[in-house]
Amino acid sequence: MNIVTLLPFIVLIGAMFLMTRSAKKKQAAAAQMRNDMQPGTGVRTIGGMYATVKELHDDTVLLEVAPGVHAIYAKNSIGAVLDDAEYNRIVHGDDEDLKAEGAIVPDDASSLTTDSDADASDDAKIDLGKKAEAEDAEDKDVDPKDAKGDVEGDTK
């Protein structure tokens, strides 16, 4: 058999191998993350709920979703283990790490304009009206209706 006819099959098998290899790496990393959980760490479930780990068992995790409210979840339902700073920022709204050291950007553009800009714009006002067209029509002594192209005796 010719190597050229086998080449598409070899490429296809190689692509499948690479895809399954990367998927296995992701699964192993997720399993390692779930095994590294400790009681007291903040987690996010695959459903998007944030909670604190209270107890770990073989296949399940006891999560505290609110003070005094506990729920049992499967370990596979843990989507991410969060570090303390990120968990506190998301759940409690702590923004200690996000303080700006530089200039503060305003929410609107009102602080970007000054009075000197307004004075300069008064000097060079642009009239966007249609006076020029009206003056041209008067110069020709033509009725504005007729200027649109309506001709007497024209039937539509």
N, C-alpha and C. Protein backbone atom coordinates (compact mmCIF):
# COMPACT_ATOMS: atom_id res chain seq x y z
N MET A 1 0.84 -1.18 0.00
CA MET A 1 0.00 0.00 0.00
C MET A 1 0.89 1.24 0.00
N ASN A 2 0.43 2.28 -0.63
CA ASN A 2 1.22 3.49 -0.77
C ASN A 2 1.12 4.35 0.50
N ILE A 3 2.21 5.02 0.87
CA ILE A 3 2.27 5.85 2.08
C ILE A 3 1.36 7.08 1.96
N VAL A 4 1.15 7.55 0.73
CA VAL A 4 0.31 8.74 0.52
C VAL A 4 -1.14 8.44 0.89
N THR A 5 -1.60 7.21 0.65
CA THR A 5 -2.97 6.87 1.01
C THR A 5 -3.13 6.70 2.51
N LEU A 6 -2.08 6.32 3.20
CA LEU A 6 -2.14 6.15 4.66
C LEU A 6 -1.94 7.46 5.42
N LEU A 7 -1.40 8.48 4.78
CA LEU A 7 -1.07 9.74 5.45
C LEU A 7 -2.28 10.41 6.12
N PRO A 8 -3.46 10.49 5.50
CA PRO A 8 -4.61 11.10 6.20
C PRO A 8 -5.00 10.33 7.47
N PHE A 9 -4.92 9.02 7.42
CA PHE A 9 -5.27 8.23 8.60
C PHE A 9 -4.25 8.43 9.72
N ILE A 10 -2.99 8.56 9.38
CA ILE A 10 -1.94 8.78 10.37
C ILE A 10 -2.13 10.15 11.03
N VAL A 11 -2.44 11.16 10.24
CA VAL A 11 -2.67 12.50 10.78
C VAL A 11 -3.89 12.50 11.69
N LEU A 12 -4.96 11.81 11.30
CA LEU A 12 -6.17 11.74 12.11
C LEU A 12 -5.91 11.05 13.44
N ILE A 13 -5.20 9.96 13.43
CA ILE A 13 -4.88 9.24 14.66
C ILE A 13 -3.98 10.09 15.56
N GLY A 14 -3.04 10.79 14.98
CA GLY A 14 -2.17 11.68 15.76
C GLY A 14 -2.96 12.81 16.41
N ALA A 15 -3.90 13.41 15.70
CA ALA A 15 -4.72 14.49 16.25
C ALA A 15 -5.59 13.98 17.39
N MET A 16 -6.15 12.80 17.23
CA MET A 16 -6.97 12.21 18.29
C MET A 16 -6.12 11.94 19.53
N PHE A 17 -4.91 11.47 19.34
CA PHE A 17 -4.02 11.20 20.46
C PHE A 17 -3.70 12.49 21.22
N LEU A 18 -3.40 13.56 20.48
CA LEU A 18 -3.08 14.82 21.14
C LEU A 18 -4.27 15.40 21.89
N MET A 19 -5.47 15.27 21.33
CA MET A 19 -6.66 15.79 22.00
C MET A 19 -6.96 15.02 23.28
N THR A 20 -6.87 13.70 23.23
CA THR A 20 -7.15 12.91 24.44
C THR A 20 -6.07 13.13 25.49
N ARG A 21 -4.86 13.37 25.06
CA ARG A 21 -3.76 13.61 26.01
C ARG A 21 -3.99 14.92 26.77
N SER A 22 -4.40 15.99 26.09
CA SER A 22 -4.65 17.26 26.77
C SER A 22 -5.87 17.16 27.68
N ALA A 23 -6.88 16.40 27.27
CA ALA A 23 -8.06 16.22 28.12
C ALA A 23 -7.71 15.44 29.39
N LYS A 24 -6.84 14.45 29.25
CA LYS A 24 -6.42 13.69 30.43
C LYS A 24 -5.62 14.56 31.39
N LYS A 25 -4.80 15.46 30.84
CA LYS A 25 -4.03 16.37 31.69
C LYS A 25 -4.96 17.30 32.47
N LYS A 26 -6.01 17.81 31.81
CA LYS A 26 -6.97 18.68 32.48
C LYS A 26 -7.72 17.94 33.57
N GLN A 27 -8.11 16.70 33.30
CA GLN A 27 -8.81 15.90 34.30
C GLN A 27 -7.91 15.61 35.49
N ALA A 28 -6.64 15.31 35.23
CA ALA A 28 -5.71 15.04 36.33
C ALA A 28 -5.48 16.29 37.17
N ALA A 29 -5.38 17.46 36.53
CA ALA A 29 -5.20 18.70 37.27
C ALA A 29 -6.42 19.01 38.13
N ALA A 30 -7.63 18.77 37.60
CA ALA A 30 -8.85 19.01 38.37
C ALA A 30 -8.95 18.05 39.55
N ALA A 31 -8.58 16.79 39.34
CA ALA A 31 -8.60 15.82 40.44
C ALA A 31 -7.59 16.20 41.52
N GLN A 32 -6.42 16.65 41.11
CA GLN A 32 -5.40 17.08 42.08
C GLN A 32 -5.89 18.29 42.87
N MET A 33 -6.56 19.23 42.19
CA MET A 33 -7.10 20.41 42.86
C MET A 33 -8.13 19.99 43.91
N ARG A 34 -9.00 19.06 43.56
CA ARG A 34 -10.03 18.60 44.51
C ARG A 34 -9.41 17.84 45.68
N ASN A 35 -8.33 17.13 45.44
CA ASN A 35 -7.68 16.39 46.52
C ASN A 35 -6.90 17.33 47.45
N ASP A 36 -6.49 18.49 46.97
CA ASP A 36 -5.73 19.44 47.77
C ASP A 36 -6.62 20.34 48.63
N MET A 37 -7.94 20.18 48.53
CA MET A 37 -8.84 21.00 49.34
C MET A 37 -8.63 20.71 50.81
N GLN A 38 -8.72 21.74 51.61
CA GLN A 38 -8.62 21.62 53.06
C GLN A 38 -9.85 22.26 53.69
N PRO A 39 -10.27 21.84 54.86
CA PRO A 39 -11.37 22.51 55.54
C PRO A 39 -11.02 23.99 55.79
N GLY A 40 -11.96 24.86 55.48
CA GLY A 40 -11.76 26.29 55.65
C GLY A 40 -11.45 27.03 54.37
N THR A 41 -11.19 26.33 53.28
CA THR A 41 -10.90 27.01 52.02
C THR A 41 -12.20 27.34 51.29
N GLY A 42 -12.15 28.38 50.49
CA GLY A 42 -13.31 28.78 49.71
C GLY A 42 -13.30 28.09 48.37
N VAL A 43 -14.47 27.67 47.91
CA VAL A 43 -14.60 26.97 46.63
C VAL A 43 -15.75 27.56 45.83
N ARG A 44 -15.73 27.29 44.53
CA ARG A 44 -16.84 27.61 43.63
C ARG A 44 -17.29 26.31 43.00
N THR A 45 -18.58 26.02 43.07
CA THR A 45 -19.08 24.79 42.47
C THR A 45 -19.25 24.99 40.97
N ILE A 46 -19.49 23.90 40.26
CA ILE A 46 -19.68 24.01 38.82
C ILE A 46 -20.98 24.74 38.48
N GLY A 47 -21.86 24.87 39.47
CA GLY A 47 -23.10 25.63 39.29
C GLY A 47 -22.93 27.11 39.58
N GLY A 48 -21.74 27.52 40.07
CA GLY A 48 -21.47 28.92 40.32
C GLY A 48 -21.72 29.37 41.75
N MET A 49 -21.94 28.44 42.67
CA MET A 49 -22.17 28.80 44.07
C MET A 49 -20.84 28.84 44.82
N TYR A 50 -20.67 29.88 45.63
CA TYR A 50 -19.46 30.02 46.44
C TYR A 50 -19.76 29.52 47.84
N ALA A 51 -18.83 28.76 48.40
CA ALA A 51 -19.03 28.18 49.73
C ALA A 51 -17.68 27.92 50.38
N THR A 52 -17.73 27.57 51.66
CA THR A 52 -16.52 27.23 52.42
C THR A 52 -16.55 25.74 52.74
N VAL A 53 -15.42 25.08 52.58
CA VAL A 53 -15.32 23.64 52.87
C VAL A 53 -15.30 23.45 54.38
N LYS A 54 -16.18 22.56 54.88
CA LYS A 54 -16.21 22.24 56.31
C LYS A 54 -15.60 20.87 56.58
N GLU A 55 -16.01 19.87 55.81
CA GLU A 55 -15.51 18.51 56.00
C GLU A 55 -15.25 17.86 54.65
N LEU A 56 -14.25 17.00 54.60
CA LEU A 56 -13.94 16.24 53.39
C LEU A 56 -14.14 14.75 53.67
N HIS A 57 -14.77 14.08 52.73
CA HIS A 57 -14.94 12.63 52.80
C HIS A 57 -14.37 12.05 51.51
N ASP A 58 -14.54 10.75 51.29
CA ASP A 58 -13.95 10.11 50.12
C ASP A 58 -14.48 10.71 48.82
N ASP A 59 -15.79 10.72 48.66
CA ASP A 59 -16.38 11.20 47.41
C ASP A 59 -17.25 12.44 47.60
N THR A 60 -17.42 12.88 48.83
CA THR A 60 -18.30 14.01 49.09
C THR A 60 -17.57 15.09 49.88
N VAL A 61 -18.19 16.29 49.89
CA VAL A 61 -17.65 17.44 50.59
C VAL A 61 -18.82 18.11 51.31
N LEU A 62 -18.62 18.49 52.57
CA LEU A 62 -19.62 19.25 53.30
C LEU A 62 -19.26 20.72 53.16
N LEU A 63 -20.16 21.49 52.54
CA LEU A 63 -19.92 22.90 52.29
C LEU A 63 -20.83 23.75 53.14
N GLU A 64 -20.30 24.88 53.63
CA GLU A 64 -21.12 25.86 54.33
C GLU A 64 -21.43 26.97 53.34
N VAL A 65 -22.69 27.01 52.88
CA VAL A 65 -23.09 27.96 51.85
C VAL A 65 -23.47 29.30 52.45
N ALA A 66 -23.87 29.32 53.72
CA ALA A 66 -24.18 30.54 54.47
C ALA A 66 -23.90 30.21 55.93
N PRO A 67 -23.77 31.19 56.78
CA PRO A 67 -23.52 30.88 58.19
C PRO A 67 -24.60 29.98 58.77
N GLY A 68 -24.20 28.78 59.17
CA GLY A 68 -25.13 27.83 59.75
C GLY A 68 -25.86 26.97 58.73
N VAL A 69 -25.65 27.17 57.44
CA VAL A 69 -26.33 26.39 56.40
C VAL A 69 -25.29 25.49 55.73
N HIS A 70 -25.48 24.17 55.85
CA HIS A 70 -24.53 23.21 55.30
C HIS A 70 -25.20 22.38 54.22
N ALA A 71 -24.41 21.98 53.23
CA ALA A 71 -24.91 21.14 52.14
C ALA A 71 -23.82 20.15 51.76
N ILE A 72 -24.25 18.96 51.37
CA ILE A 72 -23.31 17.92 50.96
C ILE A 72 -23.27 17.90 49.44
N TYR A 73 -22.06 17.98 48.89
CA TYR A 73 -21.85 17.97 47.45
C TYR A 73 -20.86 16.86 47.10
N ALA A 74 -20.95 16.38 45.86
CA ALA A 74 -19.95 15.44 45.36
C ALA A 74 -18.67 16.21 45.07
N LYS A 75 -17.53 15.56 45.25
CA LYS A 75 -16.25 16.22 44.98
C LYS A 75 -16.15 16.67 43.52
N ASN A 76 -16.77 15.92 42.64
CA ASN A 76 -16.71 16.27 41.22
C ASN A 76 -17.46 17.57 40.91
N SER A 77 -18.30 18.02 41.81
CA SER A 77 -19.06 19.24 41.56
C SER A 77 -18.28 20.50 41.95
N ILE A 78 -17.08 20.37 42.47
CA ILE A 78 -16.25 21.52 42.81
C ILE A 78 -15.55 21.98 41.53
N GLY A 79 -15.83 23.20 41.13
CA GLY A 79 -15.26 23.72 39.89
C GLY A 79 -13.92 24.38 40.09
N ALA A 80 -13.71 25.05 41.25
CA ALA A 80 -12.45 25.73 41.50
C ALA A 80 -12.25 25.90 42.99
N VAL A 81 -11.01 25.76 43.40
CA VAL A 81 -10.62 26.06 44.77
C VAL A 81 -9.98 27.44 44.74
N LEU A 82 -10.53 28.37 45.53
CA LEU A 82 -10.10 29.76 45.49
C LEU A 82 -9.16 30.06 46.66
N ASP A 83 -8.21 30.96 46.43
CA ASP A 83 -7.38 31.39 47.54
C ASP A 83 -8.18 32.36 48.41
N ASP A 84 -7.70 32.62 49.62
CA ASP A 84 -8.47 33.40 50.59
C ASP A 84 -8.78 34.81 50.09
N ALA A 85 -7.80 35.47 49.47
CA ALA A 85 -8.01 36.84 49.02
C ALA A 85 -9.10 36.91 47.94
N GLU A 86 -9.07 36.00 47.00
CA GLU A 86 -10.07 36.00 45.93
C GLU A 86 -11.45 35.65 46.47
N TYR A 87 -11.52 34.68 47.37
CA TYR A 87 -12.80 34.29 47.96
C TYR A 87 -13.42 35.46 48.73
N ASN A 88 -12.61 36.14 49.55
CA ASN A 88 -13.11 37.29 50.32
C ASN A 88 -13.52 38.44 49.41
N ARG A 89 -12.79 38.64 48.32
CA ARG A 89 -13.13 39.71 47.38
C ARG A 89 -14.48 39.43 46.72
N ILE A 90 -14.73 38.18 46.34
CA ILE A 90 -15.97 37.84 45.64
C ILE A 90 -17.15 37.76 46.60
N VAL A 91 -16.99 37.05 47.72
CA VAL A 91 -18.12 36.80 48.62
C VAL A 91 -18.40 37.99 49.53
N HIS A 92 -17.36 38.55 50.13
CA HIS A 92 -17.54 39.61 51.12
C HIS A 92 -17.35 41.01 50.55
N GLY A 93 -16.86 41.12 49.34
CA GLY A 93 -16.68 42.43 48.73
C GLY A 93 -15.46 43.17 49.23
N ASP A 94 -14.47 42.47 49.74
CA ASP A 94 -13.24 43.12 50.21
C ASP A 94 -12.42 43.57 49.02
N ASP A 95 -12.16 44.88 48.91
CA ASP A 95 -11.39 45.43 47.80
C ASP A 95 -10.08 46.04 48.28
N GLU A 96 -9.45 45.46 49.28
CA GLU A 96 -8.21 46.02 49.82
C GLU A 96 -7.09 46.00 48.79
N ASP A 97 -7.04 44.98 47.96
CA ASP A 97 -5.95 44.85 46.99
C ASP A 97 -6.17 45.73 45.76
N LEU A 98 -7.36 46.28 45.59
CA LEU A 98 -7.69 47.00 44.37
C LEU A 98 -7.60 48.51 44.50
N LYS A 99 -6.95 49.02 45.56
CA LYS A 99 -6.85 50.47 45.73
C LYS A 99 -5.94 51.06 44.67
N ALA A 100 -6.38 52.17 44.09
CA ALA A 100 -5.62 52.80 43.01
C ALA A 100 -4.56 53.72 43.60
N GLU A 101 -3.37 53.66 43.04
CA GLU A 101 -2.29 54.53 43.47
C GLU A 101 -2.13 55.72 42.55
N GLY A 102 -2.62 55.63 41.35
CA GLY A 102 -2.46 56.69 40.36
C GLY A 102 -3.69 57.57 40.28
N ALA A 103 -3.87 58.17 39.14
CA ALA A 103 -5.01 59.07 38.92
C ALA A 103 -6.30 58.28 38.88
N ILE A 104 -7.36 58.89 39.35
CA ILE A 104 -8.67 58.26 39.36
C ILE A 104 -9.40 58.67 38.09
N VAL A 105 -9.94 57.70 37.40
CA VAL A 105 -10.65 57.95 36.16
C VAL A 105 -12.10 58.28 36.50
N PRO A 106 -12.63 59.41 36.01
CA PRO A 106 -14.01 59.77 36.33
C PRO A 106 -15.01 58.88 35.61
N ASP A 107 -16.21 58.81 36.17
CA ASP A 107 -17.27 58.01 35.57
C ASP A 107 -17.89 58.68 34.35
N ASP A 108 -17.80 60.01 34.28
CA ASP A 108 -18.37 60.72 33.15
C ASP A 108 -17.34 61.68 32.58
N ALA A 109 -17.69 62.33 31.51
CA ALA A 109 -16.75 63.21 30.82
C ALA A 109 -16.86 64.66 31.26
N SER A 110 -17.65 64.95 32.30
CA SER A 110 -17.85 66.34 32.71
C SER A 110 -16.57 66.98 33.22
N SER A 111 -15.69 66.21 33.84
CA SER A 111 -14.46 66.78 34.36
C SER A 111 -13.42 67.00 33.27
N LEU A 112 -13.67 66.47 32.08
CA LEU A 112 -12.71 66.63 30.99
C LEU A 112 -12.91 67.93 30.24
N THR A 113 -14.07 68.55 30.40
CA THR A 113 -14.33 69.81 29.73
C THR A 113 -14.11 70.96 30.70
N THR A 114 -13.62 72.09 30.20
CA THR A 114 -13.39 73.26 31.03
C THR A 114 -14.10 74.45 30.42
N ASP A 115 -14.10 75.58 31.14
CA ASP A 115 -14.76 76.78 30.65
C ASP A 115 -14.04 77.36 29.44
N SER A 116 -12.71 77.21 29.38
CA SER A 116 -11.97 77.75 28.24
C SER A 116 -12.36 77.05 26.95
N ASP A 117 -12.69 75.79 27.03
CA ASP A 117 -13.15 75.07 25.85
C ASP A 117 -14.50 75.60 25.40
N ALA A 118 -15.35 75.96 26.34
CA ALA A 118 -16.67 76.48 25.99
C ALA A 118 -16.54 77.84 25.33
N ASP A 119 -15.62 78.70 25.82
CA ASP A 119 -15.42 80.01 25.21
C ASP A 119 -14.90 79.88 23.79
N ALA A 120 -14.00 78.97 23.57
CA ALA A 120 -13.44 78.77 22.24
C ALA A 120 -14.51 78.26 21.28
N SER A 121 -15.41 77.43 21.78
CA SER A 121 -16.45 76.90 20.90
C SER A 121 -17.49 77.96 20.57
N ASP A 122 -17.66 78.98 21.45
CA ASP A 122 -18.61 80.05 21.15
C ASP A 122 -18.13 80.87 19.96
N ASP A 123 -16.82 81.06 19.83
CA ASP A 123 -16.26 81.86 18.75
C ASP A 123 -16.46 81.20 17.39
N ALA A 124 -16.37 79.90 17.35
CA ALA A 124 -16.42 79.19 16.08
C ALA A 124 -17.64 78.29 16.02
N LYS A 125 -18.82 78.87 16.13
CA LYS A 125 -20.04 78.07 16.06
C LYS A 125 -20.33 77.71 14.60
N ILE A 126 -20.83 76.55 14.41
CA ILE A 126 -21.19 76.08 13.08
C ILE A 126 -22.69 75.98 13.02
N ASP A 127 -23.29 76.61 12.01
CA ASP A 127 -24.73 76.55 11.84
C ASP A 127 -25.06 75.37 10.94
N LEU A 128 -25.80 74.43 11.50
CA LEU A 128 -26.14 73.22 10.75
C LEU A 128 -27.55 73.30 10.15
N GLY A 129 -28.11 74.50 10.13
CA GLY A 129 -29.45 74.67 9.59
C GLY A 129 -29.46 74.58 8.08
N LYS A 130 -30.64 74.70 7.49
CA LYS A 130 -30.78 74.59 6.04
C LYS A 130 -31.06 75.95 5.42
N LYS A 131 -30.43 76.97 5.95
CA LYS A 131 -30.64 78.31 5.42
C LYS A 131 -30.09 78.44 4.00
N ALA A 132 -29.00 77.82 3.72
CA ALA A 132 -28.38 77.95 2.40
C ALA A 132 -29.30 77.42 1.31
N GLU A 133 -29.96 76.31 1.55
CA GLU A 133 -30.86 75.75 0.56
C GLU A 133 -32.07 76.66 0.36
N ALA A 134 -32.58 77.23 1.46
CA ALA A 134 -33.73 78.12 1.36
C ALA A 134 -33.35 79.39 0.60
N GLU A 135 -32.16 79.93 0.83
CA GLU A 135 -31.71 81.13 0.14
C GLU A 135 -31.51 80.85 -1.35
N ASP A 136 -30.99 79.67 -1.68
CA ASP A 136 -30.82 79.31 -3.09
C ASP A 136 -32.16 79.22 -3.80
N ALA A 137 -33.17 78.70 -3.12
CA ALA A 137 -34.49 78.57 -3.72
C ALA A 137 -35.11 79.94 -3.94
N GLU A 138 -34.87 80.88 -2.99
CA GLU A 138 -35.41 82.23 -3.16
C GLU A 138 -34.72 82.96 -4.29
N ASP A 139 -33.43 82.72 -4.46
CA ASP A 139 -32.69 83.38 -5.53
C ASP A 139 -33.22 82.97 -6.90
N LYS A 140 -33.68 81.77 -7.02
CA LYS A 140 -34.16 81.27 -8.30
C LYS A 140 -35.63 81.64 -8.53
N ASP A 141 -36.29 82.21 -7.51
CA ASP A 141 -37.70 82.55 -7.58
C ASP A 141 -38.53 81.34 -7.96
N VAL A 142 -38.23 80.22 -7.35
CA VAL A 142 -38.95 78.98 -7.61
C VAL A 142 -39.65 78.59 -6.33
N ASP A 143 -40.86 78.11 -6.45
CA ASP A 143 -41.59 77.65 -5.28
C ASP A 143 -40.89 76.39 -4.75
N PRO A 144 -40.70 76.25 -3.44
CA PRO A 144 -39.99 75.08 -2.90
C PRO A 144 -40.63 73.76 -3.31
N LYS A 145 -41.95 73.73 -3.54
CA LYS A 145 -42.57 72.48 -3.98
C LYS A 145 -42.07 72.10 -5.36
N ASP A 146 -41.97 73.11 -6.24
CA ASP A 146 -41.52 72.84 -7.60
C ASP A 146 -40.04 72.51 -7.64
N ALA A 147 -39.29 72.96 -6.64
CA ALA A 147 -37.85 72.70 -6.62
C ALA A 147 -37.54 71.23 -6.38
N LYS A 148 -38.51 70.49 -5.84
CA LYS A 148 -38.29 69.08 -5.58
C LYS A 148 -38.38 68.24 -6.83
N GLY A 149 -38.82 68.82 -7.89
CA GLY A 149 -38.87 68.03 -9.12
C GLY A 149 -40.28 67.81 -9.62
N ASP A 150 -41.30 68.40 -8.94
CA ASP A 150 -42.66 68.26 -9.41
C ASP A 150 -42.85 69.22 -10.59
N VAL A 151 -43.25 68.72 -11.69
CA VAL A 151 -43.46 69.52 -12.88
C VAL A 151 -44.95 69.62 -13.11
N GLU A 152 -45.40 70.82 -13.51
CA GLU A 152 -46.81 71.00 -13.77
C GLU A 152 -47.26 70.08 -14.89
N GLY A 153 -48.36 69.46 -14.69
CA GLY A 153 -48.89 68.59 -15.72
C GLY A 153 -48.31 67.18 -15.64
N ASP A 154 -47.41 66.95 -14.73
CA ASP A 154 -46.80 65.62 -14.58
C ASP A 154 -47.76 64.76 -13.76
N THR A 155 -48.15 63.63 -14.27
CA THR A 155 -49.06 62.75 -13.55
C THR A 155 -48.29 61.52 -13.11
N LYS A 156 -48.60 61.11 -11.95
CA LYS A 156 -47.89 59.95 -11.38
C LYS A 156 -48.81 58.78 -11.27
